[in-house]
Amino acid sequence: MPENSIRIVARVVANPDSVSQVRTILSDLVEPTRKEAGCISYELLQNQTDHTDFTFVEEWTSDAAIDAHLTTKHIADALTKLAGLVSSEPDIRRYNVVKKEN
C-alpha cells in the first residue's frame, strides 16, 4: 500500500425496480478498472439490508490516476446506461489516510 495513496468511496443507489440491472452495469466496471494505471484496488460492495445501495471502495496512486479513470470509455458507458436506473447522481468522495502526528 503506497504511503500517499488516495481512497475513494463511491456510492450508487439503484431504483428499487432496477437493482439487477444496476448490479450488472457496476460489476462490469470492476475488471477493466483494475487494469488501469494507478489502480491499487477496486471493489464493489452491495448493502446486505438495502439491496439498492452499492458502494465502490477504491485505492489509487494519485489524483491524476483517478481523473484519468473518470474519463475512460467504460465509465462513460456505465454512466449512460445508469441514466433512469438510479435514484441520484453517484456520491463520489476522495480521502487521504490520516496519519498520527508526532
PDB file of N, CA and C in Angstrom:
ATOM      1  N   MET A   1       0.849  -1.179   0.000  1.00  0.00           N
ATOM      2  CA  MET A   1       0.000   0.000   0.000  1.00  0.00           C
ATOM      3  C   MET A   1       0.893   1.240   0.000  1.00  0.00           C
ATOM      4  N   PRO A   2       0.841   2.033  -1.053  1.00  0.00           N
ATOM      5  CA  PRO A   2       1.674   3.231  -1.113  1.00  0.00           C
ATOM      6  C   PRO A   2       1.365   4.209   0.017  1.00  0.00           C
ATOM      7  N   GLU A   3       2.378   4.899   0.436  1.00  0.00           N
ATOM      8  CA  GLU A   3       2.292   5.839   1.561  1.00  0.00           C
ATOM      9  C   GLU A   3       1.222   6.910   1.378  1.00  0.00           C
ATOM     10  N   ASN A   4       1.141   7.500   0.186  1.00  0.00           N
ATOM     11  CA  ASN A   4       0.235   8.633  -0.040  1.00  0.00           C
ATOM     12  C   ASN A   4      -0.901   8.301  -0.998  1.00  0.00           C
ATOM     13  N   SER A   5      -1.341   7.074  -0.986  1.00  0.00           N
ATOM     14  CA  SER A   5      -2.421   6.709  -1.899  1.00  0.00           C
ATOM     15  C   SER A   5      -3.706   7.431  -1.524  1.00  0.00           C
ATOM     16  N   ILE A   6      -4.604   7.484  -2.489  1.00  0.00           N
ATOM     17  CA  ILE A   6      -5.887   8.160  -2.301  1.00  0.00           C
ATOM     18  C   ILE A   6      -6.972   7.100  -2.307  1.00  0.00           C
ATOM     19  N   ARG A   7      -7.897   7.242  -1.391  1.00  0.00           N
ATOM     20  CA  ARG A   7      -9.013   6.304  -1.289  1.00  0.00           C
ATOM     21  C   ARG A   7     -10.271   6.986  -1.797  1.00  0.00           C
ATOM     22  N   ILE A   8     -11.093   6.193  -2.426  1.00  0.00           N
ATOM     23  CA  ILE A   8     -12.383   6.669  -2.935  1.00  0.00           C
ATOM     24  C   ILE A   8     -13.478   5.801  -2.336  1.00  0.00           C
ATOM     25  N   VAL A   9     -14.537   6.443  -1.923  1.00  0.00           N
ATOM     26  CA  VAL A   9     -15.773   5.755  -1.570  1.00  0.00           C
ATOM     27  C   VAL A   9     -16.830   6.355  -2.484  1.00  0.00           C
ATOM     28  N   ALA A  10     -17.378   5.519  -3.360  1.00  0.00           N
ATOM     29  CA  ALA A  10     -18.351   5.988  -4.351  1.00  0.00           C
ATOM     30  C   ALA A  10     -19.640   5.194  -4.185  1.00  0.00           C
ATOM     31  N   ARG A  11     -20.702   5.888  -3.850  1.00  0.00           N
ATOM     32  CA  ARG A  11     -21.989   5.245  -3.573  1.00  0.00           C
ATOM     33  C   ARG A  11     -22.961   5.493  -4.713  1.00  0.00           C
ATOM     34  N   VAL A  12     -23.634   4.411  -5.115  1.00  0.00           N
ATOM     35  CA  VAL A  12     -24.648   4.465  -6.168  1.00  0.00           C
ATOM     36  C   VAL A  12     -25.902   3.801  -5.610  1.00  0.00           C
ATOM     37  N   VAL A  13     -27.028   4.477  -5.716  1.00  0.00           N
ATOM     38  CA  VAL A  13     -28.289   3.923  -5.212  1.00  0.00           C
ATOM     39  C   VAL A  13     -29.221   3.649  -6.386  1.00  0.00           C
ATOM     40  N   ALA A  14     -29.561   2.381  -6.554  1.00  0.00           N
ATOM     41  CA  ALA A  14     -30.442   1.952  -7.645  1.00  0.00           C
ATOM     42  C   ALA A  14     -31.897   2.228  -7.305  1.00  0.00           C
ATOM     43  N   ASN A  15     -32.698   2.466  -8.327  1.00  0.00           N
ATOM     44  CA  ASN A  15     -34.141   2.465  -8.120  1.00  0.00           C
ATOM     45  C   ASN A  15     -34.532   1.036  -7.739  1.00  0.00           C
ATOM     46  N   PRO A  16     -35.528   0.864  -6.866  1.00  0.00           N
ATOM     47  CA  PRO A  16     -35.880  -0.483  -6.403  1.00  0.00           C
ATOM     48  C   PRO A  16     -36.163  -1.494  -7.509  1.00  0.00           C
ATOM     49  N   ASP A  17     -36.710  -1.055  -8.623  1.00  0.00           N
ATOM     50  CA  ASP A  17     -37.030  -1.986  -9.705  1.00  0.00           C
ATOM     51  C   ASP A  17     -35.867  -2.181 -10.685  1.00  0.00           C
ATOM     52  N   SER A  18     -34.710  -1.594 -10.371  1.00  0.00           N
ATOM     53  CA  SER A  18     -33.560  -1.658 -11.284  1.00  0.00           C
ATOM     54  C   SER A  18     -32.316  -2.280 -10.652  1.00  0.00           C
ATOM     55  N   VAL A  19     -32.457  -2.896  -9.502  1.00  0.00           N
ATOM     56  CA  VAL A  19     -31.294  -3.411  -8.757  1.00  0.00           C
ATOM     57  C   VAL A  19     -30.464  -4.374  -9.595  1.00  0.00           C
ATOM     58  N   SER A  20     -31.094  -5.314 -10.234  1.00  0.00           N
ATOM     59  CA  SER A  20     -30.362  -6.313 -11.018  1.00  0.00           C
ATOM     60  C   SER A  20     -29.593  -5.669 -12.170  1.00  0.00           C
ATOM     61  N   GLN A  21     -30.224  -4.748 -12.864  1.00  0.00           N
ATOM     62  CA  GLN A  21     -29.563  -4.059 -13.983  1.00  0.00           C
ATOM     63  C   GLN A  21     -28.377  -3.237 -13.484  1.00  0.00           C
ATOM     64  N   VAL A  22     -28.580  -2.514 -12.389  1.00  0.00           N
ATOM     65  CA  VAL A  22     -27.505  -1.679 -11.841  1.00  0.00           C
ATOM     66  C   VAL A  22     -26.350  -2.559 -11.365  1.00  0.00           C
ATOM     67  N   ARG A  23     -26.650  -3.668 -10.716  1.00  0.00           N
ATOM     68  CA  ARG A  23     -25.599  -4.587 -10.264  1.00  0.00           C
ATOM     69  C   ARG A  23     -24.749  -5.047 -11.451  1.00  0.00           C
ATOM     70  N   THR A  24     -25.385  -5.394 -12.557  1.00  0.00           N
ATOM     71  CA  THR A  24     -24.662  -5.843 -13.747  1.00  0.00           C
ATOM     72  C   THR A  24     -23.785  -4.728 -14.321  1.00  0.00           C
ATOM     73  N   ILE A  25     -24.337  -3.549 -14.458  1.00  0.00           N
ATOM     74  CA  ILE A  25     -23.582  -2.415 -15.005  1.00  0.00           C
ATOM     75  C   ILE A  25     -22.364  -2.110 -14.141  1.00  0.00           C
ATOM     76  N   LEU A  26     -22.573  -2.055 -12.832  1.00  0.00           N
ATOM     77  CA  LEU A  26     -21.468  -1.732 -11.928  1.00  0.00           C
ATOM     78  C   LEU A  26     -20.440  -2.862 -11.873  1.00  0.00           C
ATOM     79  N   SER A  27     -20.899  -4.095 -11.875  1.00  0.00           N
ATOM     80  CA  SER A  27     -19.975  -5.235 -11.854  1.00  0.00           C
ATOM     81  C   SER A  27     -19.076  -5.246 -13.082  1.00  0.00           C
ATOM     82  N   ASP A  28     -19.617  -4.815 -14.204  1.00  0.00           N
ATOM     83  CA  ASP A  28     -18.844  -4.778 -15.443  1.00  0.00           C
ATOM     84  C   ASP A  28     -17.704  -3.753 -15.408  1.00  0.00           C
ATOM     85  N   LEU A  29     -17.704  -2.866 -14.432  1.00  0.00           N
ATOM     86  CA  LEU A  29     -16.629  -1.878 -14.298  1.00  0.00           C
ATOM     87  C   LEU A  29     -15.400  -2.435 -13.585  1.00  0.00           C
ATOM     88  N   VAL A  30     -15.570  -3.490 -12.811  1.00  0.00           N
ATOM     89  CA  VAL A  30     -14.503  -3.945 -11.920  1.00  0.00           C
ATOM     90  C   VAL A  30     -13.244  -4.373 -12.673  1.00  0.00           C
ATOM     91  N   GLU A  31     -13.346  -5.315 -13.582  1.00  0.00           N
ATOM     92  CA  GLU A  31     -12.147  -5.832 -14.246  1.00  0.00           C
ATOM     93  C   GLU A  31     -11.419  -4.789 -15.092  1.00  0.00           C
ATOM     94  N   PRO A  32     -12.112  -4.017 -15.949  1.00  0.00           N
ATOM     95  CA  PRO A  32     -11.356  -3.025 -16.721  1.00  0.00           C
ATOM     96  C   PRO A  32     -10.710  -1.959 -15.836  1.00  0.00           C
ATOM     97  N   THR A  33     -11.374  -1.600 -14.754  1.00  0.00           N
ATOM     98  CA  THR A  33     -10.810  -0.584 -13.863  1.00  0.00           C
ATOM     99  C   THR A  33      -9.573  -1.116 -13.156  1.00  0.00           C
ATOM    100  N   ARG A  34      -9.606  -2.354 -12.714  1.00  0.00           N
ATOM    101  CA  ARG A  34      -8.442  -2.930 -12.034  1.00  0.00           C
ATOM    102  C   ARG A  34      -7.207  -2.975 -12.928  1.00  0.00           C
ATOM    103  N   LYS A  35      -7.388  -2.931 -14.241  1.00  0.00           N
ATOM    104  CA  LYS A  35      -6.275  -2.951 -15.190  1.00  0.00           C
ATOM    105  C   LYS A  35      -5.720  -1.561 -15.486  1.00  0.00           C
ATOM    106  N   GLU A  36      -6.379  -0.518 -15.002  1.00  0.00           N
ATOM    107  CA  GLU A  36      -5.946   0.843 -15.284  1.00  0.00           C
ATOM    108  C   GLU A  36      -4.674   1.194 -14.518  1.00  0.00           C
ATOM    109  N   ALA A  37      -3.856   2.034 -15.161  1.00  0.00           N
ATOM    110  CA  ALA A  37      -2.660   2.549 -14.495  1.00  0.00           C
ATOM    111  C   ALA A  37      -3.082   3.327 -13.253  1.00  0.00           C
ATOM    112  N   GLY A  38      -2.424   3.060 -12.148  1.00  0.00           N
ATOM    113  CA  GLY A  38      -2.697   3.794 -10.915  1.00  0.00           C
ATOM    114  C   GLY A  38      -3.744   3.174 -10.018  1.00  0.00           C
ATOM    115  N   CYS A  39      -4.426   2.149 -10.481  1.00  0.00           N
ATOM    116  CA  CYS A  39      -5.432   1.486  -9.642  1.00  0.00           C
ATOM    117  C   CYS A  39      -4.737   0.461  -8.747  1.00  0.00           C
ATOM    118  N   ILE A  40      -4.862   0.637  -7.448  1.00  0.00           N
ATOM    119  CA  ILE A  40      -4.287  -0.302  -6.482  1.00  0.00           C
ATOM    120  C   ILE A  40      -5.330  -1.346  -6.103  1.00  0.00           C
ATOM    121  N   SER A  41      -6.541  -0.893  -5.826  1.00  0.00           N
ATOM    122  CA  SER A  41      -7.637  -1.826  -5.540  1.00  0.00           C
ATOM    123  C   SER A  41      -8.963  -1.175  -5.914  1.00  0.00           C
ATOM    124  N   TYR A  42      -9.929  -2.030  -6.248  1.00  0.00           N
ATOM    125  CA  TYR A  42     -11.234  -1.551  -6.714  1.00  0.00           C
ATOM    126  C   TYR A  42     -12.243  -2.644  -6.407  1.00  0.00           C
ATOM    127  N   GLU A  43     -13.091  -2.408  -5.427  1.00  0.00           N
ATOM    128  CA  GLU A  43     -14.081  -3.404  -5.015  1.00  0.00           C
ATOM    129  C   GLU A  43     -15.482  -2.814  -5.059  1.00  0.00           C
ATOM    130  N   LEU A  44     -16.430  -3.633  -5.461  1.00  0.00           N
ATOM    131  CA  LEU A  44     -17.838  -3.251  -5.460  1.00  0.00           C
ATOM    132  C   LEU A  44     -18.531  -3.998  -4.332  1.00  0.00           C
ATOM    133  N   LEU A  45     -19.239  -3.259  -3.492  1.00  0.00           N
ATOM    134  CA  LEU A  45     -19.985  -3.829  -2.372  1.00  0.00           C
ATOM    135  C   LEU A  45     -21.468  -3.554  -2.556  1.00  0.00           C
ATOM    136  N   GLN A  46     -22.286  -4.469  -2.024  1.00  0.00           N
ATOM    137  CA  GLN A  46     -23.737  -4.255  -2.014  1.00  0.00           C
ATOM    138  C   GLN A  46     -24.210  -4.393  -0.579  1.00  0.00           C
ATOM    139  N   ASN A  47     -24.991  -3.425  -0.127  1.00  0.00           N
ATOM    140  CA  ASN A  47     -25.509  -3.397   1.232  1.00  0.00           C
ATOM    141  C   ASN A  47     -26.352  -4.644   1.500  1.00  0.00           C
ATOM    142  N   GLN A  48     -26.116  -5.293   2.631  1.00  0.00           N
ATOM    143  CA  GLN A  48     -26.836  -6.528   2.969  1.00  0.00           C
ATOM    144  C   GLN A  48     -28.305  -6.294   3.303  1.00  0.00           C
ATOM    145  N   THR A  49     -28.623  -5.132   3.832  1.00  0.00           N
ATOM    146  CA  THR A  49     -30.012  -4.888   4.235  1.00  0.00           C
ATOM    147  C   THR A  49     -30.778  -3.985   3.275  1.00  0.00           C
ATOM    148  N   ASP A  50     -30.063  -3.222   2.462  1.00  0.00           N
ATOM    149  CA  ASP A  50     -30.698  -2.361   1.467  1.00  0.00           C
ATOM    150  C   ASP A  50     -30.050  -2.672   0.124  1.00  0.00           C
ATOM    151  N   HIS A  51     -30.638  -3.564  -0.623  1.00  0.00           N
ATOM    152  CA  HIS A  51     -30.033  -4.058  -1.856  1.00  0.00           C
ATOM    153  C   HIS A  51     -29.959  -3.016  -2.969  1.00  0.00           C
ATOM    154  N   THR A  52     -30.565  -1.855  -2.764  1.00  0.00           N
ATOM    155  CA  THR A  52     -30.442  -0.785  -3.757  1.00  0.00           C
ATOM    156  C   THR A  52     -29.132  -0.021  -3.601  1.00  0.00           C
ATOM    157  N   ASP A  53     -28.440  -0.236  -2.498  1.00  0.00           N
ATOM    158  CA  ASP A  53     -27.265   0.539  -2.104  1.00  0.00           C
ATOM    159  C   ASP A  53     -25.971  -0.184  -2.497  1.00  0.00           C
ATOM    160  N   PHE A  54     -25.236   0.397  -3.453  1.00  0.00           N
ATOM    161  CA  PHE A  54     -23.954  -0.142  -3.917  1.00  0.00           C
ATOM    162  C   PHE A  54     -22.850   0.850  -3.574  1.00  0.00           C
ATOM    163  N   THR A  55     -21.685   0.337  -3.213  1.00  0.00           N
ATOM    164  CA  THR A  55     -20.550   1.201  -2.895  1.00  0.00           C
ATOM    165  C   THR A  55     -19.270   0.628  -3.475  1.00  0.00           C
ATOM    166  N   PHE A  56     -18.524   1.476  -4.173  1.00  0.00           N
ATOM    167  CA  PHE A  56     -17.172   1.122  -4.597  1.00  0.00           C
ATOM    168  C   PHE A  56     -16.212   1.609  -3.520  1.00  0.00           C
ATOM    169  N   VAL A  57     -15.268   0.756  -3.149  1.00  0.00           N
ATOM    170  CA  VAL A  57     -14.175   1.134  -2.263  1.00  0.00           C
ATOM    171  C   VAL A  57     -12.912   0.979  -3.095  1.00  0.00           C
ATOM    172  N   GLU A  58     -12.210   2.075  -3.270  1.00  0.00           N
ATOM    173  CA  GLU A  58     -11.113   2.122  -4.228  1.00  0.00           C
ATOM    174  C   GLU A  58      -9.851   2.681  -3.584  1.00  0.00           C
ATOM    175  N   GLU A  59      -8.705   2.293  -4.147  1.00  0.00           N
ATOM    176  CA  GLU A  59      -7.433   2.896  -3.769  1.00  0.00           C
ATOM    177  C   GLU A  59      -6.649   3.177  -5.043  1.00  0.00           C
ATOM    178  N   TRP A  60      -6.132   4.400  -5.127  1.00  0.00           N
ATOM    179  CA  TRP A  60      -5.423   4.877  -6.317  1.00  0.00           C
ATOM    180  C   TRP A  60      -4.097   5.497  -5.919  1.00  0.00           C
ATOM    181  N   THR A  61      -3.152   5.505  -6.862  1.00  0.00           N
ATOM    182  CA  THR A  61      -1.836   6.068  -6.586  1.00  0.00           C
ATOM    183  C   THR A  61      -1.830   7.590  -6.568  1.00  0.00           C
ATOM    184  N   SER A  62      -2.777   8.216  -7.288  1.00  0.00           N
ATOM    185  CA  SER A  62      -2.755   9.682  -7.387  1.00  0.00           C
ATOM    186  C   SER A  62      -4.108  10.229  -7.839  1.00  0.00           C
ATOM    187  N   ASP A  63      -4.264  11.525  -7.639  1.00  0.00           N
ATOM    188  CA  ASP A  63      -5.454  12.205  -8.159  1.00  0.00           C
ATOM    189  C   ASP A  63      -5.493  12.126  -9.678  1.00  0.00           C
ATOM    190  N   ALA A  64      -4.329  12.196 -10.312  1.00  0.00           N
ATOM    191  CA  ALA A  64      -4.273  12.126 -11.773  1.00  0.00           C
ATOM    192  C   ALA A  64      -4.799  10.779 -12.274  1.00  0.00           C
ATOM    193  N   ALA A  65      -4.473   9.703 -11.576  1.00  0.00           N
ATOM    194  CA  ALA A  65      -4.965   8.378 -11.964  1.00  0.00           C
ATOM    195  C   ALA A  65      -6.487   8.313 -11.830  1.00  0.00           C
ATOM    196  N   ILE A  66      -7.020   8.914 -10.785  1.00  0.00           N
ATOM    197  CA  ILE A  66      -8.471   8.936 -10.584  1.00  0.00           C
ATOM    198  C   ILE A  66      -9.133   9.762 -11.687  1.00  0.00           C
ATOM    199  N   ASP A  67      -8.553  10.914 -11.964  1.00  0.00           N
ATOM    200  CA  ASP A  67      -9.114  11.773 -13.012  1.00  0.00           C
ATOM    201  C   ASP A  67      -9.116  11.057 -14.360  1.00  0.00           C
ATOM    202  N   ALA A  68      -8.045  10.317 -14.650  1.00  0.00           N
ATOM    203  CA  ALA A  68      -7.983   9.552 -15.900  1.00  0.00           C
ATOM    204  C   ALA A  68      -9.053   8.465 -15.909  1.00  0.00           C
ATOM    205  N   HIS A  69      -9.248   7.809 -14.777  1.00  0.00           N
ATOM    206  CA  HIS A  69     -10.275   6.766 -14.654  1.00  0.00           C
ATOM    207  C   HIS A  69     -11.657   7.324 -14.996  1.00  0.00           C
ATOM    208  N   LEU A  70     -11.936   8.504 -14.495  1.00  0.00           N
ATOM    209  CA  LEU A  70     -13.259   9.101 -14.695  1.00  0.00           C
ATOM    210  C   LEU A  70     -13.531   9.493 -16.143  1.00  0.00           C
ATOM    211  N   THR A  71     -12.495   9.476 -16.994  1.00  0.00           N
ATOM    212  CA  THR A  71     -12.672   9.811 -18.405  1.00  0.00           C
ATOM    213  C   THR A  71     -12.612   8.581 -19.319  1.00  0.00           C
ATOM    214  N   THR A  72     -12.531   7.383 -18.745  1.00  0.00           N
ATOM    215  CA  THR A  72     -12.446   6.171 -19.567  1.00  0.00           C
ATOM    216  C   THR A  72     -13.781   5.867 -20.245  1.00  0.00           C
ATOM    217  N   LYS A  73     -13.689   5.107 -21.314  1.00  0.00           N
ATOM    218  CA  LYS A  73     -14.891   4.715 -22.058  1.00  0.00           C
ATOM    219  C   LYS A  73     -15.818   3.859 -21.192  1.00  0.00           C
ATOM    220  N   HIS A  74     -15.258   2.945 -20.383  1.00  0.00           N
ATOM    221  CA  HIS A  74     -16.134   2.080 -19.589  1.00  0.00           C
ATOM    222  C   HIS A  74     -16.902   2.872 -18.523  1.00  0.00           C
ATOM    223  N   ILE A  75     -16.321   3.923 -17.995  1.00  0.00           N
ATOM    224  CA  ILE A  75     -17.057   4.767 -17.040  1.00  0.00           C
ATOM    225  C   ILE A  75     -18.128   5.568 -17.779  1.00  0.00           C
ATOM    226  N   ALA A  76     -17.777   6.155 -18.900  1.00  0.00           N
ATOM    227  CA  ALA A  76     -18.761   6.928 -19.681  1.00  0.00           C
ATOM    228  C   ALA A  76     -19.928   6.046 -20.101  1.00  0.00           C
ATOM    229  N   ASP A  77     -19.624   4.840 -20.568  1.00  0.00           N
ATOM    230  CA  ASP A  77     -20.687   3.916 -20.982  1.00  0.00           C
ATOM    231  C   ASP A  77     -21.585   3.544 -19.803  1.00  0.00           C
ATOM    232  N   ALA A  78     -20.979   3.291 -18.644  1.00  0.00           N
ATOM    233  CA  ALA A  78     -21.765   2.920 -17.460  1.00  0.00           C
ATOM    234  C   ALA A  78     -22.677   4.063 -17.036  1.00  0.00           C
ATOM    235  N   LEU A  79     -22.162   5.280 -17.050  1.00  0.00           N
ATOM    236  CA  LEU A  79     -22.989   6.426 -16.655  1.00  0.00           C
ATOM    237  C   LEU A  79     -24.175   6.598 -17.590  1.00  0.00           C
ATOM    238  N   THR A  80     -23.960   6.360 -18.870  1.00  0.00           N
ATOM    239  CA  THR A  80     -25.053   6.432 -19.842  1.00  0.00           C
ATOM    240  C   THR A  80     -26.092   5.352 -19.546  1.00  0.00           C
ATOM    241  N   LYS A  81     -25.633   4.127 -19.297  1.00  0.00           N
ATOM    242  CA  LYS A  81     -26.548   3.013 -19.021  1.00  0.00           C
ATOM    243  C   LYS A  81     -27.305   3.198 -17.709  1.00  0.00           C
ATOM    244  N   LEU A  82     -26.684   3.859 -16.724  1.00  0.00           N
ATOM    245  CA  LEU A  82     -27.320   4.045 -15.411  1.00  0.00           C
ATOM    246  C   LEU A  82     -28.427   5.100 -15.421  1.00  0.00           C
ATOM    247  N   ALA A  83     -28.448   5.952 -16.442  1.00  0.00           N
ATOM    248  CA  ALA A  83     -29.466   7.010 -16.508  1.00  0.00           C
ATOM    249  C   ALA A  83     -30.862   6.391 -16.413  1.00  0.00           C
ATOM    250  N   GLY A  84     -31.643   6.891 -15.465  1.00  0.00           N
ATOM    251  CA  GLY A  84     -33.000   6.398 -15.263  1.00  0.00           C
ATOM    252  C   GLY A  84     -33.091   5.162 -14.380  1.00  0.00           C
ATOM    253  N   LEU A  85     -31.944   4.555 -14.054  1.00  0.00           N
ATOM    254  CA  LEU A  85     -31.942   3.344 -13.212  1.00  0.00           C
ATOM    255  C   LEU A  85     -31.532   3.622 -11.775  1.00  0.00           C
ATOM    256  N   VAL A  86     -31.027   4.833 -11.519  1.00  0.00           N
ATOM    257  CA  VAL A  86     -30.550   5.187 -10.181  1.00  0.00           C
ATOM    258  C   VAL A  86     -31.344   6.357  -9.628  1.00  0.00           C
ATOM    259  N   SER A  87     -31.360   6.457  -8.304  1.00  0.00           N
ATOM    260  CA  SER A  87     -32.186   7.479  -7.663  1.00  0.00           C
ATOM    261  C   SER A  87     -31.536   8.855  -7.629  1.00  0.00           C
ATOM    262  N   SER A  88     -30.203   8.915  -7.844  1.00  0.00           N
ATOM    263  CA  SER A  88     -29.486  10.194  -7.837  1.00  0.00           C
ATOM    264  C   SER A  88     -28.120   9.997  -8.486  1.00  0.00           C
ATOM    265  N   GLU A  89     -27.406  11.088  -8.651  1.00  0.00           N
ATOM    266  CA  GLU A  89     -26.042  11.014  -9.175  1.00  0.00           C
ATOM    267  C   GLU A  89     -25.167  10.232  -8.192  1.00  0.00           C
ATOM    268  N   PRO A  90     -24.145   9.532  -8.678  1.00  0.00           N
ATOM    269  CA  PRO A  90     -23.230   8.849  -7.749  1.00  0.00           C
ATOM    270  C   PRO A  90     -22.601   9.848  -6.774  1.00  0.00           C
ATOM    271  N   ASP A  91     -22.444   9.428  -5.536  1.00  0.00           N
ATOM    272  CA  ASP A  91     -21.807  10.227  -4.486  1.00  0.00           C
ATOM    273  C   ASP A  91     -20.365   9.742  -4.392  1.00  0.00           C
ATOM    274  N   ILE A  92     -19.432  10.527  -4.927  1.00  0.00           N
ATOM    275  CA  ILE A  92     -18.028  10.124  -5.007  1.00  0.00           C
ATOM    276  C   ILE A  92     -17.213  11.017  -4.085  1.00  0.00           C
ATOM    277  N   ARG A  93     -16.498  10.374  -3.141  1.00  0.00           N
ATOM    278  CA  ARG A  93     -15.703  11.120  -2.166  1.00  0.00           C
ATOM    279  C   ARG A  93     -14.264  10.626  -2.160  1.00  0.00           C
ATOM    280  N   ARG A  94     -13.328  11.576  -2.107  1.00  0.00           N
ATOM    281  CA  ARG A  94     -11.891  11.259  -2.077  1.00  0.00           C
ATOM    282  C   ARG A  94     -11.367  11.451  -0.653  1.00  0.00           C
ATOM    283  N   TYR A  95     -10.524  10.508  -0.225  1.00  0.00           N
ATOM    284  CA  TYR A  95      -9.970  10.550   1.125  1.00  0.00           C
ATOM    285  C   TYR A  95      -8.476  10.295   1.119  1.00  0.00           C
ATOM    286  N   ASN A  96      -7.794  10.852   2.108  1.00  0.00           N
ATOM    287  CA  ASN A  96      -6.419  10.520   2.418  1.00  0.00           C
ATOM    288  C   ASN A  96      -6.421   9.777   3.752  1.00  0.00           C
ATOM    289  N   VAL A  97      -5.468   8.887   3.934  1.00  0.00           N
ATOM    290  CA  VAL A  97      -5.330   8.186   5.204  1.00  0.00           C
ATOM    291  C   VAL A  97      -4.809   9.181   6.244  1.00  0.00           C
ATOM    292  N   VAL A  98      -5.422   9.184   7.415  1.00  0.00           N
ATOM    293  CA  VAL A  98      -4.981  10.055   8.494  1.00  0.00           C
ATOM    294  C   VAL A  98      -3.799   9.397   9.181  1.00  0.00           C
ATOM    295  N   LYS A  99      -2.718  10.155   9.279  1.00  0.00           N
ATOM    296  CA  LYS A  99      -1.523   9.639   9.925  1.00  0.00           C
ATOM    297  C   LYS A  99      -1.365  10.297  11.282  1.00  0.00           C
ATOM    298  N   LYS A 100      -0.879   9.541  12.223  1.00  0.00           N
ATOM    299  CA  LYS A 100      -0.681  10.060  13.577  1.00  0.00           C
ATOM    300  C   LYS A 100       0.400  11.138  13.543  1.00  0.00           C
ATOM    301  N   GLU A 101       0.083  12.245  14.183  1.00  0.00           N
ATOM    302  CA  GLU A 101       1.053  13.330  14.257  1.00  0.00           C
ATOM    303  C   GLU A 101       2.009  13.049  15.395  1.00  0.00           C
ATOM    304  N   ASN A 102       3.273  13.399  15.192  1.00  0.00           N
ATOM    305  CA  ASN A 102       4.292  13.169  16.243  1.00  0.00           C
ATOM    306  C   ASN A 102       4.355  14.316  17.206  1.00  0.00           C
TER     307      ASN A 102
END
